[in-house]
Amino acid sequence: MTGVDQMEKQMIRIALEGGRPELARRGLAAAALRMLESGLRAVDPGEAVRRSVRREGASLWVGGREYRLEGGRVLLLAVGKAAGGMAAALEEILDGWIGGGLVTVPAGTAAPPLSLPVREAGHPLPDEASRACGEEAARLLRGARSGDLVLVALSGGASALWSLPAEGLGLTDLRETTRLLLESGAAIEEINAVRKHLELLKGGGVPLLAPSARFLGLILSDVVGDRLEAVGSGPTMPDPSRFADAWRILERRRILDRIPAAVRARLAAGRAGKLPETPKAGHPLFARGETLCVGSAQEAIAAILRSAQAQGFAAACLTSTLQGEASQAGLVLGNILREEALHGRPLPRPSALLAAGETTVRIAGKGRGGRNLELALGAASRLVGLEGVLLASLASDGVDGSSGVGGAVVDGESWKSAEAAGLDPDGLLAANNSLAFFQAVGGLLRTGPTGTNVNDFSLLLAE
């Protein structure tokens, strides 16, 4: 079995573990896992690249556009949770044309055998390895010449994996700012808008560092709405945000007075026009390349719905843009599932309703969990007493916050089982300790790192 085959096999297996054995025995749980596994298979990063990229001799074809390969080097920079699979597919397609590059994955993530060097770095907070990888990527970009083609294979997690602080800032400044933003419940678009004004590789950094080379960005999108400039903080894209936007985000999240002084000073200088803005749409640098989306949650959504229908469920997607506080989103989804169970609306039973997107968690306690666990726990109170229902919520990368698992499932017995065990579910939510709830009542979903990343999926099933 090749490295790619091993990654795909790992990616499509989801284990339901812990707590009540009857939950695992019920047909709804098995059906939900089959649907979610189908979704993950549909966004295999290697297959996403192969669907969009082909080579004919010395010509690389992407999205109907031809890139001639002779006359310069091909540099491949792959970074993110799906970097290994994307790089493997590109190495296979290019078959000897790659003249150098770098692959960067989160620490602990398996990567297939590659000819390029593979580095591990920190996520969700950048670490010293992130800075080293950022510096290595910058060296490669600064060495690119006219005629060279820089391929950037980008996926979720890239922002933390490459860290190249702007002048006057250090890694500690970036780590602390990122931590505060994450704990405030900021959306990824907000976090990355701030990052773009603190680091050199983000917000159009690739053409800035390699102004003479051609470039091509290939993106596996993990951002709600597939706003490509937000994926990995947009290293190949014009940046629509400004220093003033970054400042307002920190104000809105009530952390402006807590961020490091050096960060505040840089943003203040930028707001005052004393520092150059990141490159915007229309900048001549972007005439030398383009950025394309090769895969997103939409492929996974379609596969999940097909799997549900093949299993005899009426199926529909409620939304592909689910955002907001995780526990509150769970409450809403729990109410929808309750309506489905009691009144057969909006679909006739058996039914499968899907919500995709990425919620956030505002950290107020010191427990362990993640947005999918909090969403599922938030839904559980609305399912009490219902039979034949199940809600499953899964992070497509297999890593849900600090929980160590990928997600969780709840049914009509989950909340009561926790109370019978002496737990206070509302108190666990308030303490951000959703993991303790599921360790007690069962329903944890474990995949390990899947090697892909395209949002979260919440399934609502009713018999």
Protein backbone atom coordinates (compact mmCIF):
# COMPACT_ATOMS: atom_id res chain seq x y z
CA MET A 1 0.00 0.00 0.00
CA THR A 2 1.39 3.39 -0.98
CA GLY A 3 1.60 6.37 1.36
CA VAL A 4 -1.33 7.99 -0.45
CA ASP A 5 -3.42 4.82 -0.04
CA GLN A 6 -2.59 4.71 3.67
CA MET A 7 -3.68 8.33 4.14
CA GLU A 8 -6.95 7.72 2.27
CA LYS A 9 -7.72 4.60 4.31
CA GLN A 10 -7.13 6.50 7.53
CA MET A 11 -9.16 9.44 6.35
CA ILE A 12 -12.37 7.51 5.69
CA ARG A 13 -12.62 5.65 9.01
CA ILE A 14 -14.52 7.18 11.92
CA ALA A 15 -14.78 5.40 15.26
CA LEU A 16 -17.62 5.94 17.74
CA GLU A 17 -16.31 5.34 21.22
CA GLY A 18 -16.92 5.69 24.93
CA GLY A 19 -19.89 5.45 27.26
CA ARG A 20 -23.26 3.89 26.39
CA PRO A 21 -22.92 0.76 24.20
CA GLU A 22 -26.52 1.01 23.00
CA LEU A 23 -25.69 4.26 21.20
CA ALA A 24 -23.10 2.51 19.04
CA ARG A 25 -25.49 -0.37 18.33
CA ARG A 26 -28.27 1.83 17.00
CA GLY A 27 -28.67 2.00 13.26
CA LEU A 28 -28.73 5.80 13.17
CA ALA A 29 -25.18 6.06 14.46
CA ALA A 30 -23.86 3.63 11.85
CA ALA A 31 -25.76 5.48 9.12
CA ALA A 32 -24.34 8.82 10.25
CA LEU A 33 -20.78 7.49 10.18
CA ARG A 34 -21.24 6.17 6.65
CA MET A 35 -22.51 9.56 5.50
CA LEU A 36 -19.64 11.45 7.11
CA GLU A 37 -17.05 9.02 5.78
CA SER A 38 -18.46 9.54 2.28
CA GLY A 39 -18.04 13.26 2.74
CA LEU A 40 -14.42 12.92 3.80
CA ARG A 41 -13.62 10.66 0.84
CA ALA A 42 -15.04 13.28 -1.52
CA VAL A 43 -12.51 15.88 -0.36
CA ASP A 44 -9.40 13.75 -0.54
CA PRO A 45 -6.77 16.43 -1.29
CA GLY A 46 -4.90 14.39 -3.88
CA GLU A 47 -8.05 13.69 -5.85
CA ALA A 48 -9.04 17.36 -5.62
CA VAL A 49 -5.74 18.32 -7.25
CA ARG A 50 -6.01 15.64 -9.93
CA ARG A 51 -9.49 16.84 -10.91
CA SER A 52 -8.15 20.35 -11.58
CA VAL A 53 -4.57 19.91 -12.75
CA ARG A 54 -3.08 17.94 -15.62
CA ARG A 55 0.19 17.98 -17.55
CA GLU A 56 0.75 17.48 -21.27
CA GLY A 57 4.46 17.36 -21.98
CA ALA A 58 5.95 20.72 -20.98
CA SER A 59 2.54 22.29 -20.41
CA LEU A 60 0.69 22.35 -17.11
CA TRP A 61 -3.06 22.91 -17.51
CA VAL A 62 -5.04 24.36 -14.62
CA GLY A 63 -8.56 25.71 -14.93
CA GLY A 64 -8.28 25.96 -18.71
CA ARG A 65 -5.06 27.99 -18.54
CA GLU A 66 -1.71 26.76 -19.83
CA TYR A 67 1.54 27.18 -17.87
CA ARG A 68 4.69 26.38 -19.84
CA LEU A 69 7.26 24.59 -17.72
CA GLU A 70 10.42 25.01 -19.74
CA GLY A 71 12.62 28.08 -19.33
CA GLY A 72 12.70 28.07 -15.54
CA ARG A 73 12.31 26.03 -12.40
CA VAL A 74 9.09 24.81 -10.81
CA LEU A 75 9.05 25.49 -7.07
CA LEU A 76 6.37 23.73 -5.01
CA LEU A 77 5.37 25.16 -1.65
CA ALA A 78 2.65 23.09 0.04
CA VAL A 79 1.39 24.17 3.45
CA GLY A 80 -1.60 23.22 5.57
CA LYS A 81 -3.44 20.22 6.93
CA ALA A 82 -3.85 18.79 3.42
CA ALA A 83 -0.33 19.68 2.25
CA GLY A 84 0.93 16.08 2.14
CA GLY A 85 -1.81 14.80 -0.14
CA MET A 86 -1.76 17.87 -2.37
CA ALA A 87 2.03 17.73 -2.74
CA ALA A 88 1.99 14.00 -3.53
CA ALA A 89 -0.51 14.54 -6.35
CA LEU A 90 1.49 17.46 -7.77
CA GLU A 91 4.74 15.50 -7.65
CA GLU A 92 3.02 12.68 -9.54
CA ILE A 93 1.55 15.06 -12.15
CA LEU A 94 4.75 17.04 -12.67
CA ASP A 95 6.92 13.88 -12.75
CA GLY A 96 10.42 15.33 -12.43
CA TRP A 97 9.72 18.95 -13.32
CA ILE A 98 9.85 20.16 -9.70
CA GLY A 99 13.15 21.89 -8.99
CA GLY A 100 12.73 22.54 -5.27
CA GLY A 101 10.27 23.42 -2.58
CA LEU A 102 8.93 22.72 0.88
CA VAL A 103 5.99 20.84 2.42
CA THR A 104 4.75 21.97 5.84
CA VAL A 105 2.17 20.01 7.87
CA PRO A 106 0.90 20.23 11.46
CA ALA A 107 2.97 18.36 14.01
CA GLY A 108 1.86 14.75 14.25
CA THR A 109 0.30 14.64 10.78
CA ALA A 110 1.24 11.72 8.56
CA ALA A 111 2.51 12.62 5.10
CA PRO A 112 3.04 10.25 2.14
CA PRO A 113 6.55 9.66 0.82
CA LEU A 114 7.69 12.78 -1.03
CA SER A 115 10.84 13.92 -2.81
CA LEU A 116 10.53 17.38 -1.25
CA PRO A 117 11.48 18.04 2.37
CA VAL A 118 8.56 17.72 4.79
CA ARG A 119 8.56 19.87 7.92
CA GLU A 120 6.20 19.80 10.89
CA ALA A 121 5.14 23.00 12.64
CA GLY A 122 2.77 24.26 15.33
CA HIS A 123 -0.99 24.64 15.08
CA PRO A 124 -3.20 26.45 16.07
CA LEU A 125 -0.48 28.63 17.61
CA PRO A 126 2.71 29.21 15.63
CA ASP A 127 5.92 27.91 17.20
CA GLU A 128 9.65 28.03 16.50
CA ALA A 129 9.18 25.41 13.79
CA SER A 130 6.57 27.67 12.17
CA ARG A 131 9.06 30.51 12.09
CA ALA A 132 11.75 28.24 10.65
CA CYS A 133 9.37 27.05 7.93
CA GLY A 134 8.33 30.62 7.19
CA GLU A 135 11.95 31.66 6.82
CA GLU A 136 12.70 28.65 4.59
CA ALA A 137 9.70 29.43 2.37
CA ALA A 138 10.78 33.08 2.16
CA ARG A 139 14.31 32.07 1.11
CA LEU A 140 12.91 29.95 -1.69
CA LEU A 141 10.63 32.75 -2.85
CA ARG A 142 13.36 35.39 -2.76
CA GLY A 143 15.50 33.07 -4.89
CA ALA A 144 12.84 32.70 -7.58
CA ARG A 145 13.71 34.28 -10.91
CA SER A 146 11.98 35.31 -14.10
CA GLY A 147 10.70 32.19 -15.87
CA ASP A 148 10.27 30.24 -12.65
CA LEU A 149 6.82 29.00 -11.67
CA VAL A 150 5.94 29.01 -7.96
CA LEU A 151 3.16 26.54 -7.14
CA VAL A 152 1.53 27.17 -3.77
CA ALA A 153 -0.71 24.32 -2.56
CA LEU A 154 -2.67 25.82 0.29
CA SER A 155 -5.10 24.35 2.82
CA GLY A 156 -6.50 25.13 6.24
CA GLY A 157 -3.99 25.56 9.05
CA ALA A 158 -1.42 27.26 6.84
CA SER A 159 -1.56 30.55 8.75
CA ALA A 160 -0.02 29.03 11.88
CA LEU A 161 2.37 26.70 10.04
CA TRP A 162 4.22 29.53 8.28
CA SER A 163 5.18 32.43 10.49
CA LEU A 164 7.35 35.31 9.30
CA PRO A 165 6.96 38.29 11.66
CA ALA A 166 7.10 41.79 10.22
CA GLU A 167 9.90 44.11 11.31
CA GLY A 168 9.69 44.96 14.99
CA LEU A 169 7.66 41.88 15.90
CA GLY A 170 8.70 38.53 17.31
CA LEU A 171 7.18 35.07 17.44
CA THR A 172 5.95 35.67 21.00
CA ASP A 173 3.97 38.70 19.77
CA LEU A 174 2.28 36.62 17.09
CA ARG A 175 1.53 33.71 19.42
CA GLU A 176 -0.06 35.92 22.06
CA THR A 177 -2.14 37.86 19.55
CA THR A 178 -3.36 34.63 17.96
CA ARG A 179 -4.20 33.13 21.35
CA LEU A 180 -6.23 36.15 22.38
CA LEU A 181 -8.13 36.19 19.09
CA LEU A 182 -8.94 32.48 19.32
CA GLU A 183 -10.13 32.74 22.91
CA SER A 184 -12.29 35.77 22.06
CA GLY A 185 -14.34 33.69 19.63
CA ALA A 186 -13.16 35.63 16.57
CA ALA A 187 -14.04 34.13 13.20
CA ILE A 188 -11.18 32.87 11.05
CA GLU A 189 -11.66 35.76 8.60
CA GLU A 190 -11.12 38.21 11.46
CA ILE A 191 -8.07 36.37 12.80
CA ASN A 192 -6.47 36.23 9.38
CA ALA A 193 -7.20 39.90 8.63
CA VAL A 194 -5.12 40.76 11.69
CA ARG A 195 -2.39 38.28 10.79
CA LYS A 196 -2.00 39.76 7.30
CA HIS A 197 -0.88 43.04 8.83
CA LEU A 198 1.65 41.45 11.17
CA GLU A 199 3.45 38.96 8.92
CA LEU A 200 5.30 39.03 5.60
CA LEU A 201 4.09 35.81 3.93
CA LYS A 202 0.41 36.61 4.34
CA GLY A 203 -1.88 38.89 2.35
CA GLY A 204 -0.13 38.66 -1.02
CA GLY A 205 3.26 37.85 0.43
CA VAL A 206 4.20 35.30 -2.23
CA PRO A 207 4.32 37.71 -5.22
CA LEU A 208 5.82 40.40 -2.98
CA LEU A 209 8.74 38.12 -2.10
CA ALA A 210 9.05 36.67 -5.62
CA PRO A 211 8.13 39.63 -7.86
CA SER A 212 9.81 38.29 -10.99
CA ALA A 213 8.38 34.77 -10.94
CA ARG A 214 5.05 33.44 -12.13
CA PHE A 215 2.85 31.96 -9.44
CA LEU A 216 -0.14 29.67 -9.16
CA GLY A 217 -2.14 29.15 -5.99
CA LEU A 218 -4.14 25.94 -5.60
CA ILE A 219 -6.51 26.02 -2.65
CA LEU A 220 -8.46 23.40 -0.74
CA SER A 221 -10.85 25.76 1.00
CA ASP A 222 -11.76 25.50 4.67
CA VAL A 223 -13.36 28.95 4.84
CA VAL A 224 -17.13 29.43 4.96
CA GLY A 225 -18.28 30.79 1.61
CA ASP A 226 -14.92 29.85 0.01
CA ARG A 227 -13.48 33.34 0.30
CA LEU A 228 -10.07 32.40 -1.02
CA GLU A 229 -8.28 35.48 0.34
CA ALA A 230 -8.98 34.18 3.85
CA VAL A 231 -7.63 30.64 3.36
CA GLY A 232 -4.20 30.44 4.97
CA SER A 233 -4.29 34.26 5.22
CA GLY A 234 -4.14 34.63 1.44
CA PRO A 235 -0.41 34.42 0.57
CA THR A 236 -1.14 34.52 -3.19
CA MET A 237 -4.20 36.81 -3.06
CA PRO A 238 -4.89 40.56 -2.92
CA ASP A 239 -5.85 41.60 0.58
CA PRO A 240 -9.19 43.43 0.88
CA SER A 241 -8.54 44.35 4.52
CA ARG A 242 -6.59 47.32 5.84
CA PHE A 243 -4.69 48.20 9.02
CA ALA A 244 -7.79 50.05 10.22
CA ASP A 245 -9.86 46.85 9.84
CA ALA A 246 -7.40 44.88 11.93
CA TRP A 247 -7.56 47.56 14.62
CA ARG A 248 -11.39 47.48 14.64
CA ILE A 249 -11.42 43.70 14.96
CA LEU A 250 -9.30 43.87 18.08
CA GLU A 251 -11.55 46.60 19.45
CA ARG A 252 -14.70 44.64 18.68
CA ARG A 253 -13.30 41.54 20.34
CA ARG A 254 -12.29 43.65 23.36
CA ILE A 255 -8.67 42.61 23.34
CA LEU A 256 -6.96 45.72 21.93
CA ASP A 257 -5.61 46.68 25.33
CA ARG A 258 -4.32 43.14 25.95
CA ILE A 259 -2.35 42.46 22.78
CA PRO A 260 1.44 42.93 22.90
CA ALA A 261 2.57 46.54 22.77
CA ALA A 262 4.66 45.93 19.65
CA VAL A 263 1.59 44.65 17.79
CA ARG A 264 -0.50 47.62 18.87
CA ALA A 265 2.27 50.01 17.81
CA ARG A 266 2.56 48.44 14.35
CA LEU A 267 -1.18 48.56 13.74
CA ALA A 268 -1.34 52.17 14.98
CA ALA A 269 1.46 53.14 12.59
CA GLY A 270 -0.32 51.40 9.74
CA ARG A 271 -3.60 53.15 10.51
CA ALA A 272 -1.76 56.47 10.44
CA GLY A 273 -0.34 55.73 6.97
CA LYS A 274 3.22 55.34 8.21
CA LEU A 275 3.51 51.76 6.92
CA PRO A 276 2.65 50.45 3.44
CA GLU A 277 -0.63 48.56 3.12
CA THR A 278 -0.78 44.97 1.93
CA PRO A 279 -1.21 44.74 -1.89
CA LYS A 280 -4.78 45.19 -3.08
CA ALA A 281 -6.76 44.04 -6.12
CA GLY A 282 -5.37 45.59 -9.29
CA HIS A 283 -1.77 45.61 -8.06
CA PRO A 284 0.52 44.68 -10.97
CA LEU A 285 2.11 41.88 -8.93
CA PHE A 286 -1.04 39.79 -9.36
CA ALA A 287 -0.84 39.95 -13.15
CA ARG A 288 1.89 37.30 -12.93
CA GLY A 289 -0.35 34.57 -11.54
CA GLU A 290 -3.71 33.39 -10.33
CA THR A 291 -5.31 31.45 -7.50
CA LEU A 292 -7.89 28.71 -7.95
CA CYS A 293 -10.03 26.64 -5.62
CA VAL A 294 -9.57 22.91 -6.31
CA GLY A 295 -11.93 21.67 -3.60
CA SER A 296 -14.21 22.76 -0.78
CA ALA A 297 -17.01 21.68 1.50
CA GLN A 298 -19.41 21.66 -1.47
CA GLU A 299 -18.03 18.33 -2.74
CA ALA A 300 -18.35 16.81 0.72
CA ILE A 301 -21.91 18.10 1.12
CA ALA A 302 -22.96 16.51 -2.16
CA ALA A 303 -21.37 13.19 -1.16
CA ILE A 304 -23.02 13.17 2.27
CA LEU A 305 -26.43 13.81 0.75
CA ARG A 306 -25.90 11.06 -1.85
CA SER A 307 -24.93 8.64 0.93
CA ALA A 308 -28.02 9.57 2.93
CA GLN A 309 -30.31 9.04 -0.03
CA ALA A 310 -28.66 5.72 -0.87
CA GLN A 311 -29.44 4.61 2.70
CA GLY A 312 -33.11 5.50 2.30
CA PHE A 313 -33.18 8.94 3.95
CA ALA A 314 -34.84 12.03 2.57
CA ALA A 315 -31.90 14.44 2.57
CA ALA A 316 -31.26 18.17 2.35
CA CYS A 317 -28.60 20.71 3.25
CA LEU A 318 -29.88 23.38 5.62
CA THR A 319 -26.85 25.62 5.11
CA SER A 320 -23.22 25.56 4.03
CA THR A 321 -22.48 28.79 5.92
CA LEU A 322 -23.10 27.85 9.56
CA GLN A 323 -21.30 30.33 11.84
CA GLY A 324 -21.67 31.86 15.29
CA GLU A 325 -21.18 30.59 18.83
CA ALA A 326 -21.02 26.79 18.73
CA SER A 327 -23.35 26.05 21.64
CA GLN A 328 -25.97 28.48 20.32
CA ALA A 329 -25.74 26.95 16.85
CA GLY A 330 -26.27 23.58 18.51
CA LEU A 331 -29.36 24.86 20.29
CA VAL A 332 -30.85 25.99 16.97
CA LEU A 333 -30.01 22.71 15.25
CA GLY A 334 -31.43 20.79 18.20
CA ASN A 335 -34.70 22.68 17.81
CA ILE A 336 -34.79 21.86 14.10
CA LEU A 337 -34.23 18.17 14.83
CA ARG A 338 -36.97 18.30 17.48
CA GLU A 339 -39.38 19.75 14.92
CA GLU A 340 -38.41 16.98 12.52
CA ALA A 341 -39.00 14.28 15.15
CA LEU A 342 -42.34 15.63 16.38
CA HIS A 343 -43.90 16.96 13.18
CA GLY A 344 -41.96 15.57 10.21
CA ARG A 345 -40.85 19.01 9.08
CA PRO A 346 -39.07 20.08 6.94
CA LEU A 347 -38.64 16.56 5.47
CA PRO A 348 -40.60 13.32 5.71
CA ARG A 349 -38.91 10.75 7.93
CA PRO A 350 -36.52 9.01 7.80
CA SER A 351 -34.64 12.22 7.20
CA ALA A 352 -31.10 13.54 7.12
CA LEU A 353 -30.50 17.28 7.44
CA LEU A 354 -26.99 18.70 7.06
CA ALA A 355 -25.44 21.95 8.25
CA ALA A 356 -21.88 22.77 7.18
CA GLY A 357 -19.66 25.67 8.16
CA GLU A 358 -17.44 26.68 11.05
CA THR A 359 -18.69 27.93 14.39
CA THR A 360 -16.55 29.54 17.07
CA VAL A 361 -16.10 29.15 20.81
CA ARG A 362 -15.50 32.00 23.20
CA ILE A 363 -13.18 30.64 25.88
CA ALA A 364 -14.41 31.48 29.37
CA GLY A 365 -13.37 28.35 31.26
CA LYS A 366 -10.39 26.02 31.50
CA GLY A 367 -11.95 22.77 30.34
CA ARG A 368 -11.24 20.73 27.23
CA GLY A 369 -13.38 20.48 24.14
CA GLY A 370 -13.92 21.99 20.72
CA ARG A 371 -16.54 23.66 18.60
CA ASN A 372 -18.09 20.39 17.40
CA LEU A 373 -18.33 18.98 20.92
CA GLU A 374 -19.85 22.24 22.17
CA LEU A 375 -22.31 22.30 19.28
CA ALA A 376 -23.42 18.72 20.01
CA LEU A 377 -23.73 19.42 23.74
CA GLY A 378 -25.67 22.59 23.00
CA ALA A 379 -28.13 20.52 20.95
CA ALA A 380 -28.53 17.77 23.52
CA SER A 381 -30.91 19.69 25.80
CA ARG A 382 -33.42 20.03 22.93
CA LEU A 383 -33.42 16.29 22.22
CA VAL A 384 -34.35 15.10 25.72
CA GLY A 385 -37.07 12.45 25.60
CA LEU A 386 -37.04 12.02 21.84
CA GLU A 387 -36.66 8.58 20.29
CA GLY A 388 -35.15 7.81 16.93
CA VAL A 389 -33.04 10.96 16.63
CA LEU A 390 -29.31 11.60 16.48
CA LEU A 391 -27.09 14.63 15.89
CA ALA A 392 -23.47 14.11 14.83
CA SER A 393 -20.96 16.95 14.45
CA LEU A 394 -17.48 16.38 13.00
CA ALA A 395 -14.42 18.48 12.16
CA SER A 396 -13.28 17.42 8.70
CA ASP A 397 -9.63 17.61 9.76
CA GLY A 398 -10.31 15.14 12.59
CA VAL A 399 -9.11 17.56 15.27
CA ASP A 400 -11.75 19.39 17.32
CA GLY A 401 -10.10 22.03 19.47
CA SER A 402 -8.30 20.67 22.52
CA SER A 403 -10.49 17.57 22.79
CA GLY A 404 -8.16 15.10 21.10
CA VAL A 405 -11.09 13.77 19.03
CA GLY A 406 -12.87 14.81 15.85
CA GLY A 407 -16.40 15.41 17.09
CA ALA A 408 -19.35 13.85 18.90
CA VAL A 409 -22.89 12.50 18.61
CA VAL A 410 -25.91 13.03 20.88
CA ASP A 411 -29.37 11.51 21.04
CA GLY A 412 -32.48 11.76 23.18
CA GLU A 413 -30.78 10.06 26.14
CA SER A 414 -27.46 11.91 26.23
CA TRP A 415 -28.50 14.84 28.47
CA LYS A 416 -30.37 12.63 30.96
CA SER A 417 -27.48 10.17 31.11
CA ALA A 418 -25.12 12.97 32.09
CA GLU A 419 -27.45 14.18 34.82
CA ALA A 420 -27.84 10.61 36.10
CA ALA A 421 -24.04 10.44 36.34
CA GLY A 422 -24.06 13.54 38.56
CA LEU A 423 -22.90 15.97 35.89
CA ASP A 424 -24.20 19.47 35.24
CA PRO A 425 -24.28 19.82 31.42
CA ASP A 426 -24.94 23.56 31.52
CA GLY A 427 -22.02 24.02 33.89
CA LEU A 428 -19.76 21.99 31.62
CA LEU A 429 -20.69 24.22 28.69
CA ALA A 430 -19.98 27.34 30.73
CA ALA A 431 -16.56 25.93 31.66
CA ASN A 432 -15.78 24.93 28.04
CA ASN A 433 -15.49 21.36 29.31
CA SER A 434 -17.61 19.54 26.75
CA LEU A 435 -15.11 16.67 26.59
CA ALA A 436 -16.00 15.64 30.16
CA PHE A 437 -19.66 15.34 29.13
CA PHE A 438 -18.92 12.92 26.30
CA GLN A 439 -16.35 10.95 28.27
CA ALA A 440 -19.16 10.23 30.73
CA VAL A 441 -22.06 9.50 28.36
CA GLY A 442 -20.25 8.34 25.21
CA GLY A 443 -20.56 9.49 21.65
CA LEU A 444 -17.02 10.67 20.86
CA LEU A 445 -15.99 10.49 17.20
CA ARG A 446 -12.35 9.70 16.57
CA THR A 447 -10.56 9.77 13.23
CA GLY A 448 -7.09 11.11 13.96
CA PRO A 449 -5.78 13.75 11.53
CA THR A 450 -7.59 13.08 8.26
CA GLY A 451 -5.18 14.85 5.93
CA THR A 452 -7.91 17.13 4.64
CA ASN A 453 -9.80 20.19 5.91
CA VAL A 454 -13.02 21.71 4.52
CA ASN A 455 -15.14 22.99 7.43
CA ASP A 456 -17.27 21.08 9.94
CA PHE A 457 -20.35 18.95 9.29
CA SER A 458 -23.39 18.58 11.56
CA LEU A 459 -25.85 15.82 10.65
CA LEU A 460 -29.40 15.69 12.01
CA LEU A 461 -31.00 12.26 11.60
CA ALA A 462 -34.57 11.22 12.43
CA GLU A 463 -36.13 7.81 11.88
